[in-house]
Amino acid sequence: MALGTAAARIAATLLTGVVLAGCGGKPAVCSDVDALKTSVDNLKNVQVSQGGLSKLQDDLNQVKSDLNKVKSDAKSQYSEEVAAVDQAATSLSTDLSAATDSPSAATLAPLGADVQSLGTSLTALQKAVKETC
């Protein structure tokens, strides 16, 4: 009888583990969007000037990396919002290349608006993902 009770306890423990595993946590896209937000926040804190261009490029590279994770985990879900973030990052990348190649007030000026646009598109993505997370 003791062996049957022990087996029943083990089975109950295993079943509880399976049920909890089935419930799972948040989808990966949730932590991906959180990481992307952190990267965009870091990018927002860079001083847009000739000296800050390399830091801006480094932070933009991290944004792109985090965005790729979001794309991978979100698949087609949130495609409109992800596309907007992607477009904003691409615009920033294009303008940053121009500013790096030929730093001047005219080439540095669009960077602030690009960073703001990236933040705005990220906010829309966060709102869309919020119900999932």
N, C-alpha and C. Protein backbone atom coordinates (compact mmCIF):
# COMPACT_ATOMS: atom_id res chain seq x y z
N MET A 1 0.82 -1.19 0.00
CA MET A 1 0.00 0.00 0.00
C MET A 1 0.86 1.25 0.00
N ALA A 2 1.96 1.24 0.74
CA ALA A 2 2.85 2.40 0.79
C ALA A 2 3.44 2.68 -0.57
N LEU A 3 3.74 1.61 -1.33
CA LEU A 3 4.29 1.79 -2.67
C LEU A 3 3.24 2.43 -3.57
N GLY A 4 2.00 2.06 -3.46
CA GLY A 4 0.93 2.64 -4.26
C GLY A 4 0.73 4.11 -3.94
N THR A 5 0.84 4.46 -2.66
CA THR A 5 0.70 5.85 -2.24
C THR A 5 1.85 6.69 -2.78
N ALA A 6 3.06 6.15 -2.72
CA ALA A 6 4.23 6.87 -3.23
C ALA A 6 4.10 7.08 -4.74
N ALA A 7 3.63 6.05 -5.43
CA ALA A 7 3.45 6.17 -6.88
C ALA A 7 2.39 7.22 -7.20
N ALA A 8 1.33 7.25 -6.41
CA ALA A 8 0.27 8.23 -6.63
C ALA A 8 0.79 9.65 -6.42
N ARG A 9 1.65 9.82 -5.40
CA ARG A 9 2.24 11.14 -5.13
C ARG A 9 3.15 11.57 -6.27
N ILE A 10 3.93 10.65 -6.75
CA ILE A 10 4.83 10.96 -7.87
C ILE A 10 4.04 11.34 -9.10
N ALA A 11 2.98 10.57 -9.37
CA ALA A 11 2.14 10.85 -10.53
C ALA A 11 1.48 12.23 -10.39
N ALA A 12 1.02 12.54 -9.19
CA ALA A 12 0.39 13.85 -8.96
C ALA A 12 1.39 14.98 -9.14
N THR A 13 2.61 14.78 -8.66
CA THR A 13 3.66 15.78 -8.82
C THR A 13 3.99 16.00 -10.29
N LEU A 14 4.11 14.90 -11.03
CA LEU A 14 4.41 15.01 -12.45
C LEU A 14 3.28 15.70 -13.20
N LEU A 15 2.04 15.34 -12.86
CA LEU A 15 0.88 15.95 -13.50
C LEU A 15 0.83 17.44 -13.21
N THR A 16 1.13 17.85 -12.00
CA THR A 16 1.15 19.26 -11.65
C THR A 16 2.20 20.00 -12.47
N GLY A 17 3.37 19.37 -12.63
CA GLY A 17 4.43 19.98 -13.44
C GLY A 17 4.01 20.15 -14.88
N VAL A 18 3.33 19.17 -15.42
CA VAL A 18 2.87 19.24 -16.81
C VAL A 18 1.82 20.33 -16.96
N VAL A 19 0.90 20.43 -16.02
CA VAL A 19 -0.14 21.44 -16.08
C VAL A 19 0.48 22.83 -15.99
N LEU A 20 1.41 23.03 -15.07
CA LEU A 20 2.07 24.33 -14.94
C LEU A 20 2.87 24.67 -16.17
N ALA A 21 3.54 23.70 -16.75
CA ALA A 21 4.31 23.94 -17.97
C ALA A 21 3.39 24.31 -19.11
N GLY A 22 2.22 23.70 -19.15
CA GLY A 22 1.25 24.00 -20.20
C GLY A 22 0.74 25.42 -20.10
N CYS A 23 0.62 25.94 -18.88
CA CYS A 23 0.17 27.32 -18.71
C CYS A 23 1.21 28.28 -19.25
N GLY A 24 2.46 27.92 -19.04
CA GLY A 24 3.55 28.72 -19.58
C GLY A 24 3.57 30.13 -19.04
N GLY A 25 4.55 30.87 -19.46
CA GLY A 25 4.65 32.27 -19.08
C GLY A 25 4.20 33.13 -20.24
N LYS A 26 4.73 34.30 -20.25
CA LYS A 26 4.42 35.24 -21.32
C LYS A 26 5.10 34.79 -22.61
N PRO A 27 4.51 35.12 -23.74
CA PRO A 27 5.16 34.80 -25.02
C PRO A 27 6.50 35.54 -25.14
N ALA A 28 7.40 34.99 -25.92
CA ALA A 28 8.73 35.59 -26.08
C ALA A 28 8.66 37.01 -26.61
N VAL A 29 7.65 37.32 -27.40
CA VAL A 29 7.54 38.66 -27.97
C VAL A 29 7.44 39.72 -26.87
N CYS A 30 6.92 39.35 -25.72
CA CYS A 30 6.79 40.30 -24.61
C CYS A 30 8.17 40.78 -24.13
N SER A 31 9.04 39.84 -23.86
CA SER A 31 10.38 40.22 -23.42
C SER A 31 11.17 40.86 -24.55
N ASP A 32 10.89 40.45 -25.80
CA ASP A 32 11.55 41.06 -26.95
C ASP A 32 11.20 42.55 -27.05
N VAL A 33 9.93 42.87 -26.87
CA VAL A 33 9.49 44.26 -26.96
C VAL A 33 10.07 45.06 -25.78
N ASP A 34 10.16 44.44 -24.61
CA ASP A 34 10.78 45.11 -23.47
C ASP A 34 12.24 45.43 -23.76
N ALA A 35 12.96 44.48 -24.34
CA ALA A 35 14.37 44.71 -24.69
C ALA A 35 14.48 45.79 -25.76
N LEU A 36 13.58 45.78 -26.72
CA LEU A 36 13.58 46.81 -27.77
C LEU A 36 13.33 48.18 -27.16
N LYS A 37 12.42 48.26 -26.20
CA LYS A 37 12.15 49.54 -25.53
C LYS A 37 13.40 50.05 -24.83
N THR A 38 14.11 49.16 -24.15
CA THR A 38 15.34 49.56 -23.46
C THR A 38 16.36 50.09 -24.47
N SER A 39 16.50 49.40 -25.60
CA SER A 39 17.44 49.84 -26.63
C SER A 39 17.06 51.20 -27.20
N VAL A 40 15.77 51.40 -27.45
CA VAL A 40 15.32 52.69 -27.99
C VAL A 40 15.52 53.78 -26.94
N ASP A 41 15.26 53.48 -25.68
CA ASP A 41 15.49 54.46 -24.61
C ASP A 41 16.97 54.85 -24.56
N ASN A 42 17.85 53.87 -24.69
CA ASN A 42 19.28 54.17 -24.71
C ASN A 42 19.62 55.07 -25.89
N LEU A 43 19.05 54.79 -27.03
CA LEU A 43 19.28 55.58 -28.23
C LEU A 43 18.79 57.01 -28.04
N LYS A 44 17.66 57.17 -27.38
CA LYS A 44 17.10 58.50 -27.14
C LYS A 44 18.02 59.35 -26.26
N ASN A 45 18.82 58.70 -25.42
CA ASN A 45 19.68 59.43 -24.49
C ASN A 45 21.00 59.86 -25.09
N VAL A 46 21.27 59.48 -26.33
CA VAL A 46 22.52 59.87 -26.99
C VAL A 46 22.40 61.32 -27.44
N GLN A 47 23.44 62.09 -27.18
CA GLN A 47 23.48 63.46 -27.66
C GLN A 47 23.76 63.46 -29.16
N VAL A 48 22.81 63.96 -29.93
CA VAL A 48 22.96 63.99 -31.38
C VAL A 48 23.93 65.12 -31.72
N SER A 49 25.15 64.74 -31.96
CA SER A 49 26.20 65.67 -32.35
C SER A 49 27.24 64.86 -33.11
N GLN A 50 28.20 65.55 -33.68
CA GLN A 50 29.22 64.84 -34.45
C GLN A 50 29.93 63.81 -33.57
N GLY A 51 30.24 64.15 -32.33
CA GLY A 51 30.93 63.23 -31.43
C GLY A 51 30.07 62.07 -30.97
N GLY A 52 28.76 62.22 -31.01
CA GLY A 52 27.86 61.17 -30.55
C GLY A 52 27.41 60.21 -31.64
N LEU A 53 27.89 60.42 -32.85
CA LEU A 53 27.43 59.59 -33.96
C LEU A 53 27.81 58.12 -33.81
N SER A 54 29.01 57.84 -33.31
CA SER A 54 29.40 56.43 -33.17
C SER A 54 28.57 55.75 -32.07
N LYS A 55 28.27 56.47 -31.01
CA LYS A 55 27.42 55.92 -29.95
C LYS A 55 26.00 55.71 -30.48
N LEU A 56 25.53 56.67 -31.26
CA LEU A 56 24.21 56.53 -31.87
C LEU A 56 24.17 55.31 -32.78
N GLN A 57 25.23 55.08 -33.54
CA GLN A 57 25.29 53.91 -34.43
C GLN A 57 25.30 52.62 -33.63
N ASP A 58 26.07 52.58 -32.54
CA ASP A 58 26.10 51.39 -31.69
C ASP A 58 24.72 51.09 -31.12
N ASP A 59 24.05 52.13 -30.63
CA ASP A 59 22.72 51.93 -30.05
C ASP A 59 21.70 51.55 -31.13
N LEU A 60 21.84 52.10 -32.32
CA LEU A 60 20.95 51.73 -33.42
C LEU A 60 21.16 50.27 -33.81
N ASN A 61 22.40 49.82 -33.80
CA ASN A 61 22.66 48.41 -34.09
C ASN A 61 21.96 47.50 -33.08
N GLN A 62 21.95 47.91 -31.81
CA GLN A 62 21.26 47.12 -30.79
C GLN A 62 19.75 47.14 -31.03
N VAL A 63 19.22 48.31 -31.41
CA VAL A 63 17.79 48.41 -31.73
C VAL A 63 17.45 47.44 -32.86
N LYS A 64 18.27 47.43 -33.90
CA LYS A 64 18.02 46.53 -35.04
C LYS A 64 18.07 45.06 -34.61
N SER A 65 19.01 44.73 -33.76
CA SER A 65 19.12 43.36 -33.27
C SER A 65 17.88 42.97 -32.47
N ASP A 66 17.46 43.86 -31.58
CA ASP A 66 16.26 43.58 -30.78
C ASP A 66 15.01 43.54 -31.66
N LEU A 67 14.96 44.39 -32.66
CA LEU A 67 13.82 44.39 -33.58
C LEU A 67 13.75 43.08 -34.35
N ASN A 68 14.89 42.55 -34.74
CA ASN A 68 14.91 41.26 -35.44
C ASN A 68 14.34 40.14 -34.56
N LYS A 69 14.60 40.20 -33.25
CA LYS A 69 14.04 39.20 -32.33
C LYS A 69 12.52 39.35 -32.27
N VAL A 70 12.06 40.61 -32.22
CA VAL A 70 10.61 40.85 -32.20
C VAL A 70 9.99 40.29 -33.47
N LYS A 71 10.59 40.58 -34.61
CA LYS A 71 10.08 40.08 -35.90
C LYS A 71 10.00 38.56 -35.90
N SER A 72 11.03 37.93 -35.40
CA SER A 72 11.10 36.47 -35.40
C SER A 72 10.02 35.86 -34.51
N ASP A 73 9.86 36.42 -33.32
CA ASP A 73 8.90 35.84 -32.38
C ASP A 73 7.46 36.26 -32.65
N ALA A 74 7.27 37.45 -33.20
CA ALA A 74 5.91 37.92 -33.48
C ALA A 74 5.36 37.31 -34.76
N LYS A 75 6.27 36.87 -35.63
CA LYS A 75 5.90 36.34 -36.94
C LYS A 75 5.03 37.35 -37.66
N SER A 76 3.81 37.01 -38.05
CA SER A 76 2.97 37.97 -38.77
C SER A 76 2.10 38.80 -37.82
N GLN A 77 2.07 38.40 -36.56
CA GLN A 77 1.29 39.15 -35.59
C GLN A 77 1.94 40.51 -35.39
N TYR A 78 1.18 41.55 -35.27
CA TYR A 78 1.66 42.93 -35.09
C TYR A 78 2.46 43.40 -36.30
N SER A 79 2.20 42.84 -37.47
CA SER A 79 3.01 43.16 -38.64
C SER A 79 2.99 44.64 -38.99
N GLU A 80 1.85 45.27 -38.83
CA GLU A 80 1.76 46.71 -39.15
C GLU A 80 2.63 47.54 -38.21
N GLU A 81 2.55 47.24 -36.92
CA GLU A 81 3.33 47.99 -35.93
C GLU A 81 4.83 47.70 -36.07
N VAL A 82 5.17 46.44 -36.30
CA VAL A 82 6.58 46.07 -36.48
C VAL A 82 7.14 46.74 -37.73
N ALA A 83 6.35 46.80 -38.79
CA ALA A 83 6.79 47.45 -40.03
C ALA A 83 7.05 48.94 -39.79
N ALA A 84 6.23 49.58 -38.96
CA ALA A 84 6.42 51.00 -38.67
C ALA A 84 7.72 51.22 -37.89
N VAL A 85 8.01 50.35 -36.93
CA VAL A 85 9.26 50.46 -36.17
C VAL A 85 10.44 50.22 -37.12
N ASP A 86 10.30 49.23 -37.98
CA ASP A 86 11.36 48.91 -38.94
C ASP A 86 11.62 50.09 -39.87
N GLN A 87 10.55 50.71 -40.36
CA GLN A 87 10.70 51.86 -41.26
C GLN A 87 11.38 53.03 -40.53
N ALA A 88 11.00 53.27 -39.29
CA ALA A 88 11.61 54.35 -38.52
C ALA A 88 13.10 54.08 -38.29
N ALA A 89 13.43 52.83 -38.00
CA ALA A 89 14.84 52.46 -37.80
C ALA A 89 15.63 52.60 -39.10
N THR A 90 15.01 52.25 -40.21
CA THR A 90 15.66 52.38 -41.52
C THR A 90 15.90 53.84 -41.86
N SER A 91 14.93 54.70 -41.60
CA SER A 91 15.09 56.13 -41.85
C SER A 91 16.23 56.70 -41.01
N LEU A 92 16.25 56.29 -39.74
CA LEU A 92 17.34 56.75 -38.86
C LEU A 92 18.68 56.26 -39.38
N SER A 93 18.73 55.02 -39.81
CA SER A 93 19.98 54.46 -40.32
C SER A 93 20.47 55.22 -41.55
N THR A 94 19.55 55.53 -42.45
CA THR A 94 19.90 56.27 -43.68
C THR A 94 20.43 57.66 -43.33
N ASP A 95 19.71 58.36 -42.45
CA ASP A 95 20.13 59.71 -42.08
C ASP A 95 21.42 59.69 -41.26
N LEU A 96 21.59 58.66 -40.45
CA LEU A 96 22.81 58.54 -39.67
C LEU A 96 24.01 58.30 -40.58
N SER A 97 23.84 57.52 -41.61
CA SER A 97 24.92 57.30 -42.59
C SER A 97 25.31 58.61 -43.25
N ALA A 98 24.32 59.40 -43.63
CA ALA A 98 24.59 60.70 -44.26
C ALA A 98 25.33 61.62 -43.29
N ALA A 99 24.91 61.61 -42.02
CA ALA A 99 25.55 62.47 -41.03
C ALA A 99 26.98 62.01 -40.73
N THR A 100 27.19 60.72 -40.75
CA THR A 100 28.52 60.18 -40.50
C THR A 100 29.45 60.49 -41.67
N ASP A 101 28.94 60.37 -42.88
CA ASP A 101 29.74 60.63 -44.07
C ASP A 101 30.10 62.10 -44.22
N SER A 102 29.18 62.97 -43.86
CA SER A 102 29.40 64.40 -44.03
C SER A 102 28.72 65.17 -42.89
N PRO A 103 29.35 65.17 -41.71
CA PRO A 103 28.72 65.82 -40.55
C PRO A 103 28.56 67.33 -40.76
N SER A 104 27.33 67.77 -40.61
CA SER A 104 27.03 69.20 -40.70
C SER A 104 25.68 69.41 -40.01
N ALA A 105 25.34 70.66 -39.80
CA ALA A 105 24.05 70.95 -39.18
C ALA A 105 22.92 70.38 -40.03
N ALA A 106 23.07 70.44 -41.34
CA ALA A 106 22.01 69.94 -42.23
C ALA A 106 21.85 68.43 -42.16
N THR A 107 22.95 67.69 -41.97
CA THR A 107 22.83 66.23 -41.91
C THR A 107 22.52 65.73 -40.50
N LEU A 108 22.88 66.52 -39.49
CA LEU A 108 22.58 66.13 -38.11
C LEU A 108 21.12 66.42 -37.75
N ALA A 109 20.55 67.45 -38.34
CA ALA A 109 19.20 67.90 -37.98
C ALA A 109 18.13 66.81 -38.05
N PRO A 110 18.08 65.98 -39.09
CA PRO A 110 17.00 64.98 -39.17
C PRO A 110 17.09 63.88 -38.12
N LEU A 111 18.23 63.72 -37.49
CA LEU A 111 18.40 62.60 -36.55
C LEU A 111 17.45 62.69 -35.36
N GLY A 112 17.26 63.87 -34.84
CA GLY A 112 16.34 64.04 -33.70
C GLY A 112 14.93 63.62 -34.05
N ALA A 113 14.46 64.03 -35.22
CA ALA A 113 13.11 63.66 -35.66
C ALA A 113 13.02 62.16 -35.91
N ASP A 114 14.10 61.58 -36.43
CA ASP A 114 14.12 60.13 -36.68
C ASP A 114 14.01 59.35 -35.36
N VAL A 115 14.74 59.80 -34.36
CA VAL A 115 14.71 59.13 -33.06
C VAL A 115 13.31 59.27 -32.45
N GLN A 116 12.72 60.44 -32.59
CA GLN A 116 11.36 60.65 -32.08
C GLN A 116 10.36 59.75 -32.81
N SER A 117 10.50 59.63 -34.10
CA SER A 117 9.61 58.76 -34.88
C SER A 117 9.76 57.30 -34.46
N LEU A 118 10.98 56.89 -34.18
CA LEU A 118 11.23 55.53 -33.71
C LEU A 118 10.53 55.30 -32.37
N GLY A 119 10.62 56.27 -31.48
CA GLY A 119 9.94 56.16 -30.19
C GLY A 119 8.43 56.08 -30.33
N THR A 120 7.89 56.88 -31.23
CA THR A 120 6.44 56.89 -31.46
C THR A 120 5.96 55.55 -32.01
N SER A 121 6.71 55.01 -32.97
CA SER A 121 6.30 53.72 -33.55
C SER A 121 6.46 52.59 -32.53
N LEU A 122 7.45 52.69 -31.68
CA LEU A 122 7.61 51.69 -30.63
C LEU A 122 6.44 51.74 -29.65
N THR A 123 5.99 52.93 -29.31
CA THR A 123 4.84 53.07 -28.41
C THR A 123 3.61 52.38 -29.00
N ALA A 124 3.40 52.53 -30.29
CA ALA A 124 2.27 51.85 -30.94
C ALA A 124 2.43 50.34 -30.88
N LEU A 125 3.64 49.85 -31.07
CA LEU A 125 3.89 48.41 -30.97
C LEU A 125 3.64 47.92 -29.55
N GLN A 126 4.11 48.67 -28.56
CA GLN A 126 3.89 48.28 -27.17
C GLN A 126 2.39 48.20 -26.85
N LYS A 127 1.62 49.14 -27.33
CA LYS A 127 0.17 49.13 -27.10
C LYS A 127 -0.46 47.89 -27.74
N ALA A 128 -0.02 47.55 -28.94
CA ALA A 128 -0.57 46.38 -29.63
C ALA A 128 -0.23 45.08 -28.90
N VAL A 129 0.96 45.00 -28.37
CA VAL A 129 1.44 43.78 -27.71
C VAL A 129 0.92 43.66 -26.29
N LYS A 130 0.49 44.77 -25.72
CA LYS A 130 0.10 44.81 -24.31
C LYS A 130 -0.92 43.76 -23.92
N GLU A 131 -1.91 43.53 -24.74
CA GLU A 131 -2.94 42.54 -24.40
C GLU A 131 -2.40 41.12 -24.40
N THR A 132 -1.41 40.86 -25.23
CA THR A 132 -0.79 39.53 -25.27
C THR A 132 0.05 39.30 -24.03
N CYS A 133 0.65 40.36 -23.56
CA CYS A 133 1.59 40.23 -22.44
C CYS A 133 0.90 40.48 -21.13
